Amino acid sequence: MDQNLTHRNHYIPRFYLKNWSLDGKTMQTYSILVSNSKVPYWTQQSIKNSAVWSDFYTRIEGDKEIDDFEHWFDREFETPAKPVFDKLLNGQKISYEESVVLSHFVFAQYVRTPAAYLRLTEQNIKLFPKILEETTAKINREAEKIRKGYPAFQFQKTVRESFFPMKVTVDKEQSLVEIKAVVGRGSYLDNLKHLLSSTLKVAEHHDWRVLHASEDISFPTSDDPVICLNYRNADDYDLKGGWGRKNCNILMPLSPRLILFTQVGAKGPYKDLDHSPYYSKLFRRMIIQHAHRYVYSDRPQKGMLELNARVVNAQLYEREKQEMAGWHIEQIQAERNL
């Protein structure tokens, strides 16, 4: 194992989580999945050891481990966004260029969490049969051309193909094509590279506004902090919106007092939402409901069981713990077994 690699991948930047820290080092954490009922509802945990998954973004190229995604996130999204966040937290206006930087960061944050991995993997599993059919048809068309004497087509190795673990075997004698693929980390990283290189532009023209919580509300954040909201009314909404879907609301907590907000296809200033006791309470509820495994706060919050009741399940807790521990080796073996 290369000691120079960044194996501890923080899927939520530490500079962001520090906005919920009273000492700059720790924050209060509510765990949605616990091993037994004696586990405290809230525990004080270090930011350094929160929202981290070893080798979540590490990829394999030949026999070499590469941590280029971790550095890419830092260089292209986190480092440019930090001064923009500082301005927002200090109540300063940002330029259009800074708004684009902010959009890039929020979009990247939306797709780089374990919850996003599960969403995209589920999507990949549904789409793979179609990809398989299209790839097989393309190969068969080229094979037919070769049989007719045309020169062999040289498939270009694109960025997406290089990250998606796929093996194509052609049996010329039997005229058979066999395609094997692994839907896992490799396909997820392939998704990330595509989304954050091409699809990213869909987020650049959003009109972001910073909304304030009412005096009686403190916004927490979570391990899946960016919310894409389809809102009809307070009792009829879902958290499965899309970045390019008109009227979809996108939210991300900035601190216990501030939340980032935009509505796709609309302009602010959304004055009725700012300092509103009604909407502050609603936004808090959505933040907690959208959490995958953890809610983070500067201090313990009340009413958690009603909004996102924790699951007490020793077997499930241990299984997820073991899956995370064996994640890197299992992904490597699956790709090498192709």
Protein backbone atom coordinates (compact mmCIF):
# COMPACT_ATOMS: atom_id res chain seq x y z
CA MET A 1 0.00 0.00 0.00
CA ASP A 2 1.40 3.40 -1.04
CA GLN A 3 1.93 5.46 2.11
CA ASN A 4 1.76 8.70 0.09
CA LEU A 5 -1.80 8.06 -1.04
CA THR A 6 -4.70 9.84 0.60
CA HIS A 7 -6.60 6.80 1.84
CA ARG A 8 -8.92 8.63 4.25
CA ASN A 9 -11.44 10.23 1.93
CA HIS A 10 -13.59 12.94 3.50
CA TYR A 11 -16.80 13.04 1.51
CA ILE A 12 -17.81 16.25 3.29
CA PRO A 13 -15.03 18.86 3.63
CA ARG A 14 -13.82 19.60 7.12
CA PHE A 15 -13.91 23.35 6.56
CA TYR A 16 -17.67 23.02 6.02
CA LEU A 17 -18.33 20.86 9.09
CA LYS A 18 -16.41 23.30 11.30
CA ASN A 19 -19.35 25.68 10.98
CA TRP A 20 -21.11 23.36 13.44
CA SER A 21 -18.23 23.20 15.90
CA LEU A 22 -18.02 25.21 19.11
CA ASP A 23 -14.32 24.42 19.61
CA GLY A 24 -13.15 24.08 16.00
CA LYS A 25 -12.41 20.38 16.46
CA THR A 26 -15.61 18.54 17.42
CA MET A 27 -19.35 18.59 16.80
CA GLN A 28 -22.45 16.80 18.02
CA THR A 29 -23.43 13.73 15.99
CA TYR A 30 -26.75 11.88 15.86
CA SER A 31 -26.38 8.35 14.45
CA ILE A 32 -29.37 7.00 12.54
CA LEU A 33 -28.11 3.39 12.69
CA VAL A 34 -26.83 2.11 16.04
CA SER A 35 -25.88 -1.29 17.42
CA ASN A 36 -27.92 -1.12 20.63
CA SER A 37 -30.40 1.08 22.47
CA LYS A 38 -27.83 2.17 25.06
CA VAL A 39 -25.93 4.25 22.51
CA PRO A 40 -26.52 7.93 23.38
CA TYR A 41 -28.68 9.85 20.94
CA TRP A 42 -26.03 12.52 20.56
CA THR A 43 -22.27 12.07 20.89
CA GLN A 44 -19.44 14.56 20.59
CA GLN A 45 -17.17 13.45 17.75
CA SER A 46 -14.08 14.88 16.13
CA ILE A 47 -14.51 16.49 12.73
CA LYS A 48 -11.34 14.75 11.61
CA ASN A 49 -13.04 11.37 12.00
CA SER A 50 -16.48 12.36 10.69
CA ALA A 51 -17.86 11.96 7.16
CA VAL A 52 -14.84 9.87 6.18
CA TRP A 53 -14.63 6.58 4.27
CA SER A 54 -11.28 4.94 3.62
CA ASP A 55 -10.54 4.56 -0.11
CA PHE A 56 -14.02 5.68 -1.10
CA TYR A 57 -12.54 7.42 -4.17
CA THR A 58 -9.35 5.40 -4.66
CA ARG A 59 -9.23 3.82 -8.09
CA ILE A 60 -7.06 1.13 -9.66
CA GLU A 61 -5.10 1.54 -12.86
CA GLY A 62 -3.27 -1.69 -13.67
CA ASP A 63 -1.59 -2.67 -10.41
CA LYS A 64 -1.40 0.90 -9.15
CA GLU A 65 -3.67 2.65 -6.66
CA ILE A 66 -4.51 6.25 -7.56
CA ASP A 67 -6.04 8.96 -5.37
CA ASP A 68 -6.54 11.55 -8.11
CA PHE A 69 -10.24 12.03 -7.30
CA GLU A 70 -9.48 13.17 -3.75
CA HIS A 71 -7.00 15.74 -5.05
CA TRP A 72 -9.37 16.74 -7.86
CA PHE A 73 -12.15 17.50 -5.37
CA ASP A 74 -9.79 19.61 -3.30
CA ARG A 75 -8.25 21.49 -6.24
CA GLU A 76 -11.35 22.07 -8.37
CA PHE A 77 -14.13 22.41 -5.81
CA GLU A 78 -13.12 22.77 -2.16
CA THR A 79 -10.21 25.22 -2.35
CA PRO A 80 -12.00 27.66 -4.71
CA ALA A 81 -15.21 27.49 -2.63
CA LYS A 82 -13.71 28.13 0.82
CA PRO A 83 -13.31 31.93 0.41
CA VAL A 84 -16.80 32.11 -1.10
CA PHE A 85 -18.22 30.34 1.95
CA ASP A 86 -16.34 32.76 4.21
CA LYS A 87 -17.96 35.72 2.45
CA LEU A 88 -21.44 34.20 2.74
CA LEU A 89 -20.96 33.47 6.43
CA ASN A 90 -19.87 37.08 6.97
CA GLY A 91 -22.90 38.47 5.16
CA GLN A 92 -20.95 39.71 2.15
CA LYS A 93 -22.22 39.72 -1.42
CA ILE A 94 -20.56 37.46 -3.97
CA SER A 95 -19.88 38.06 -7.66
CA TYR A 96 -21.31 36.07 -10.55
CA GLU A 97 -17.98 34.26 -10.90
CA GLU A 98 -18.07 33.37 -7.22
CA SER A 99 -21.66 32.19 -7.62
CA VAL A 100 -20.48 29.77 -10.33
CA VAL A 101 -17.76 28.49 -7.98
CA LEU A 102 -20.44 28.01 -5.32
CA SER A 103 -22.68 26.13 -7.76
CA HIS A 104 -19.83 23.82 -8.71
CA PHE A 105 -19.11 23.05 -5.07
CA VAL A 106 -22.74 22.37 -4.14
CA PHE A 107 -23.28 20.16 -7.18
CA ALA A 108 -20.08 18.22 -6.42
CA GLN A 109 -21.17 17.81 -2.82
CA TYR A 110 -24.51 16.44 -3.97
CA VAL A 111 -22.91 13.56 -5.90
CA ARG A 112 -19.87 12.67 -3.76
CA THR A 113 -21.46 11.12 -0.64
CA PRO A 114 -22.24 7.48 0.25
CA ALA A 115 -25.93 8.29 -0.19
CA ALA A 116 -25.17 9.54 -3.72
CA TYR A 117 -23.17 6.37 -4.38
CA LEU A 118 -26.25 4.30 -3.52
CA ARG A 119 -28.51 6.46 -5.72
CA LEU A 120 -26.18 6.30 -8.71
CA THR A 121 -25.44 2.60 -8.27
CA GLU A 122 -29.15 1.81 -8.26
CA GLN A 123 -29.46 3.86 -11.44
CA ASN A 124 -26.49 2.05 -13.03
CA ILE A 125 -28.02 -1.35 -12.28
CA LYS A 126 -31.22 -0.27 -14.04
CA LEU A 127 -29.39 1.20 -17.02
CA PHE A 128 -26.75 -1.50 -17.50
CA PRO A 129 -28.94 -3.91 -19.54
CA LYS A 130 -29.49 -1.11 -22.08
CA ILE A 131 -25.77 -0.26 -22.14
CA LEU A 132 -25.00 -3.95 -22.61
CA GLU A 133 -27.45 -4.21 -25.50
CA GLU A 134 -26.07 -1.10 -27.24
CA THR A 135 -22.44 -2.18 -26.80
CA THR A 136 -23.14 -5.68 -28.10
CA ALA A 137 -25.01 -4.30 -31.11
CA LYS A 138 -22.13 -1.96 -31.91
CA ILE A 139 -19.58 -4.77 -31.73
CA ASN A 140 -21.71 -7.04 -33.87
CA ARG A 141 -22.05 -4.33 -36.51
CA GLU A 142 -18.29 -3.88 -36.62
CA ALA A 143 -17.75 -7.65 -36.74
CA GLU A 144 -20.07 -7.86 -39.74
CA LYS A 145 -18.08 -5.12 -41.50
CA ILE A 146 -14.84 -7.01 -40.87
CA ARG A 147 -16.35 -10.19 -42.35
CA LYS A 148 -17.18 -8.17 -45.47
CA GLY A 149 -13.57 -7.03 -45.79
CA TYR A 150 -13.77 -3.56 -44.27
CA PRO A 151 -10.87 -2.47 -42.00
CA ALA A 152 -11.33 -3.03 -38.28
CA PHE A 153 -12.74 -0.06 -36.37
CA GLN A 154 -10.48 1.25 -33.58
CA PHE A 155 -12.61 1.93 -30.53
CA GLN A 156 -11.53 5.14 -28.82
CA LYS A 157 -10.79 4.81 -25.12
CA THR A 158 -12.75 7.65 -23.58
CA VAL A 159 -12.55 8.93 -20.01
CA ARG A 160 -15.86 7.28 -19.15
CA GLU A 161 -14.82 3.93 -20.62
CA SER A 162 -11.50 4.00 -18.81
CA PHE A 163 -13.20 4.33 -15.42
CA PHE A 164 -16.10 1.90 -15.96
CA PRO A 165 -14.85 -1.65 -15.22
CA MET A 166 -15.96 -3.53 -18.33
CA LYS A 167 -14.47 -6.42 -20.28
CA VAL A 168 -15.52 -7.38 -23.80
CA THR A 169 -14.53 -10.82 -25.14
CA VAL A 170 -15.12 -11.74 -28.78
CA ASP A 171 -15.12 -15.38 -29.91
CA LYS A 172 -14.62 -15.08 -33.68
CA GLU A 173 -15.11 -18.78 -34.35
CA GLN A 174 -18.41 -18.96 -32.51
CA SER A 175 -19.42 -15.38 -33.40
CA LEU A 176 -20.08 -14.73 -29.72
CA VAL A 177 -19.61 -11.54 -27.75
CA GLU A 178 -19.32 -11.70 -23.96
CA ILE A 179 -19.47 -8.54 -21.88
CA LYS A 180 -18.70 -8.41 -18.17
CA ALA A 181 -18.87 -5.35 -15.96
CA VAL A 182 -18.68 -4.42 -12.30
CA VAL A 183 -21.24 -1.97 -10.99
CA GLY A 184 -19.48 -0.55 -7.94
CA ARG A 185 -16.79 1.97 -7.17
CA GLY A 186 -15.43 2.08 -10.72
CA SER A 187 -18.81 2.80 -12.27
CA TYR A 188 -19.48 5.39 -9.54
CA LEU A 189 -16.21 7.21 -10.24
CA ASP A 190 -17.09 7.07 -13.93
CA ASN A 191 -20.39 8.77 -13.09
CA LEU A 192 -18.63 11.41 -11.00
CA LYS A 193 -16.15 12.29 -13.72
CA HIS A 194 -18.94 12.68 -16.25
CA LEU A 195 -21.29 14.61 -13.95
CA LEU A 196 -18.59 16.98 -12.71
CA SER A 197 -17.10 17.59 -16.15
CA SER A 198 -20.16 17.86 -18.40
CA THR A 199 -23.44 17.88 -16.48
CA LEU A 200 -21.97 20.41 -14.03
CA LYS A 201 -22.88 23.29 -16.33
CA VAL A 202 -26.58 22.80 -15.59
CA ALA A 203 -25.91 24.28 -12.13
CA GLU A 204 -24.03 27.41 -13.17
CA HIS A 205 -26.95 29.80 -13.62
CA HIS A 206 -28.80 29.23 -10.36
CA ASP A 207 -29.61 32.34 -8.34
CA TRP A 208 -28.34 31.44 -4.88
CA ARG A 209 -29.62 33.25 -1.79
CA VAL A 210 -28.66 32.95 1.86
CA LEU A 211 -31.65 32.61 4.17
CA HIS A 212 -31.58 33.16 7.92
CA ALA A 213 -33.13 30.89 10.52
CA SER A 214 -35.72 32.33 12.86
CA GLU A 215 -34.53 32.98 16.41
CA ASP A 216 -35.93 29.72 17.80
CA ILE A 217 -34.45 27.42 15.11
CA SER A 218 -30.92 26.06 14.68
CA PHE A 219 -30.15 24.36 11.38
CA PRO A 220 -28.19 21.09 11.64
CA THR A 221 -26.49 19.49 8.63
CA SER A 222 -25.96 15.87 7.65
CA ASP A 223 -23.87 13.33 5.76
CA ASP A 224 -26.02 14.11 2.69
CA PRO A 225 -26.34 17.89 3.06
CA VAL A 226 -27.56 18.98 -0.39
CA ILE A 227 -31.31 18.63 -0.79
CA CYS A 228 -33.14 18.66 -4.14
CA LEU A 229 -36.72 19.35 -3.17
CA ASN A 230 -39.96 18.91 -5.09
CA TYR A 231 -42.25 21.08 -2.97
CA ARG A 232 -46.00 21.29 -3.34
CA ASN A 233 -46.97 22.16 0.23
CA ALA A 234 -45.72 21.45 3.75
CA ASP A 235 -47.43 18.06 3.80
CA ASP A 236 -46.76 17.12 0.18
CA TYR A 237 -43.13 17.16 -0.92
CA ASP A 238 -40.33 14.78 -1.78
CA LEU A 239 -36.54 14.99 -1.67
CA LYS A 240 -35.93 13.58 -5.16
CA GLY A 241 -35.76 16.71 -7.27
CA GLY A 242 -33.32 17.42 -10.09
CA TRP A 243 -30.84 20.20 -10.79
CA GLY A 244 -32.37 20.99 -14.16
CA ARG A 245 -35.99 20.49 -13.16
CA LYS A 246 -37.92 23.75 -13.23
CA ASN A 247 -39.20 24.94 -9.83
CA CYS A 248 -37.10 22.37 -7.97
CA ASN A 249 -35.74 23.88 -4.74
CA ILE A 250 -32.12 23.20 -3.83
CA LEU A 251 -31.02 23.70 -0.23
CA MET A 252 -27.76 23.31 1.68
CA PRO A 253 -27.19 24.37 5.29
CA LEU A 254 -24.29 26.81 5.71
CA SER A 255 -24.28 27.10 9.49
CA PRO A 256 -26.71 26.78 12.41
CA ARG A 257 -28.09 30.20 11.41
CA LEU A 258 -27.86 30.15 7.60
CA ILE A 259 -29.07 28.00 4.71
CA LEU A 260 -28.29 28.27 1.00
CA PHE A 261 -31.37 28.27 -1.23
CA THR A 262 -32.29 28.48 -4.90
CA GLN A 263 -35.25 27.62 -7.08
CA VAL A 264 -34.48 26.29 -10.55
CA GLY A 265 -35.63 28.73 -13.20
CA ALA A 266 -36.48 31.49 -10.71
CA LYS A 267 -34.85 34.58 -9.21
CA GLY A 268 -34.74 35.73 -5.60
CA PRO A 269 -34.82 37.38 -3.18
CA TYR A 270 -37.35 34.97 -1.52
CA LYS A 271 -38.02 37.48 1.27
CA ASP A 272 -40.95 35.47 2.61
CA LEU A 273 -38.54 32.61 3.42
CA ASP A 274 -35.93 34.72 5.22
CA HIS A 275 -36.15 34.76 9.05
CA SER A 276 -39.46 32.88 8.71
CA PRO A 277 -40.38 30.71 11.75
CA TYR A 278 -42.59 28.57 9.49
CA TYR A 279 -40.01 27.90 6.78
CA SER A 280 -37.11 27.66 9.22
CA LYS A 281 -38.90 24.84 11.00
CA LEU A 282 -39.74 23.21 7.66
CA PHE A 283 -36.15 23.45 6.38
CA ARG A 284 -34.83 21.96 9.62
CA ARG A 285 -37.24 19.05 9.25
CA MET A 286 -36.09 18.42 5.69
CA ILE A 287 -32.40 18.53 6.61
CA ILE A 288 -32.93 15.86 9.26
CA GLN A 289 -35.19 13.72 7.06
CA HIS A 290 -32.65 13.79 4.23
CA ALA A 291 -29.77 12.50 6.36
CA HIS A 292 -28.39 9.11 5.34
CA ARG A 293 -26.63 7.86 8.48
CA TYR A 294 -25.64 10.97 10.45
CA VAL A 295 -26.98 14.36 11.49
CA TYR A 296 -24.42 16.94 12.63
CA SER A 297 -25.07 19.91 14.88
CA ASP A 298 -23.31 22.38 17.14
CA ARG A 299 -25.42 21.14 20.06
CA PRO A 300 -27.93 18.30 20.65
CA GLN A 301 -31.30 18.94 19.01
CA LYS A 302 -34.74 17.86 20.15
CA GLY A 303 -37.40 15.93 18.27
CA MET A 304 -35.05 13.68 16.32
CA LEU A 305 -37.05 10.47 16.77
CA GLU A 306 -40.10 12.06 15.18
CA LEU A 307 -38.20 13.36 12.15
CA ASN A 308 -35.68 10.58 11.49
CA ALA A 309 -35.98 7.80 14.04
CA ARG A 310 -32.79 5.89 14.59
CA VAL A 311 -32.61 2.20 13.73
CA VAL A 312 -31.39 -0.13 16.48
CA ASN A 313 -30.10 -3.17 14.63
CA ALA A 314 -26.88 -4.89 15.71
CA GLN A 315 -26.70 -7.14 12.62
CA LEU A 316 -27.22 -4.33 10.12
CA TYR A 317 -24.80 -2.09 12.00
CA GLU A 318 -22.09 -4.77 11.98
CA ARG A 319 -22.72 -5.62 8.33
CA GLU A 320 -22.29 -2.00 7.24
CA LYS A 321 -19.20 -1.70 9.41
CA GLN A 322 -17.66 -4.77 7.77
CA GLU A 323 -18.65 -3.59 4.29
CA MET A 324 -16.82 -0.32 4.85
CA ALA A 325 -13.78 -2.10 6.27
CA GLY A 326 -13.58 -4.51 3.33
CA TRP A 327 -14.70 -2.05 0.68
CA HIS A 328 -11.32 -1.38 -0.94
CA ILE A 329 -10.20 -5.02 -1.21
CA GLU A 330 -13.60 -6.20 -2.47
CA GLN A 331 -13.72 -3.53 -5.18
CA ILE A 332 -10.17 -4.35 -6.32
CA GLN A 333 -10.88 -8.08 -6.45
CA ALA A 334 -14.15 -7.62 -8.33
CA GLU A 335 -12.48 -5.50 -11.02
CA ARG A 336 -9.47 -7.80 -11.36
CA ASN A 337 -11.72 -10.85 -11.69
CA LEU A 338 -13.21 -9.50 -14.90
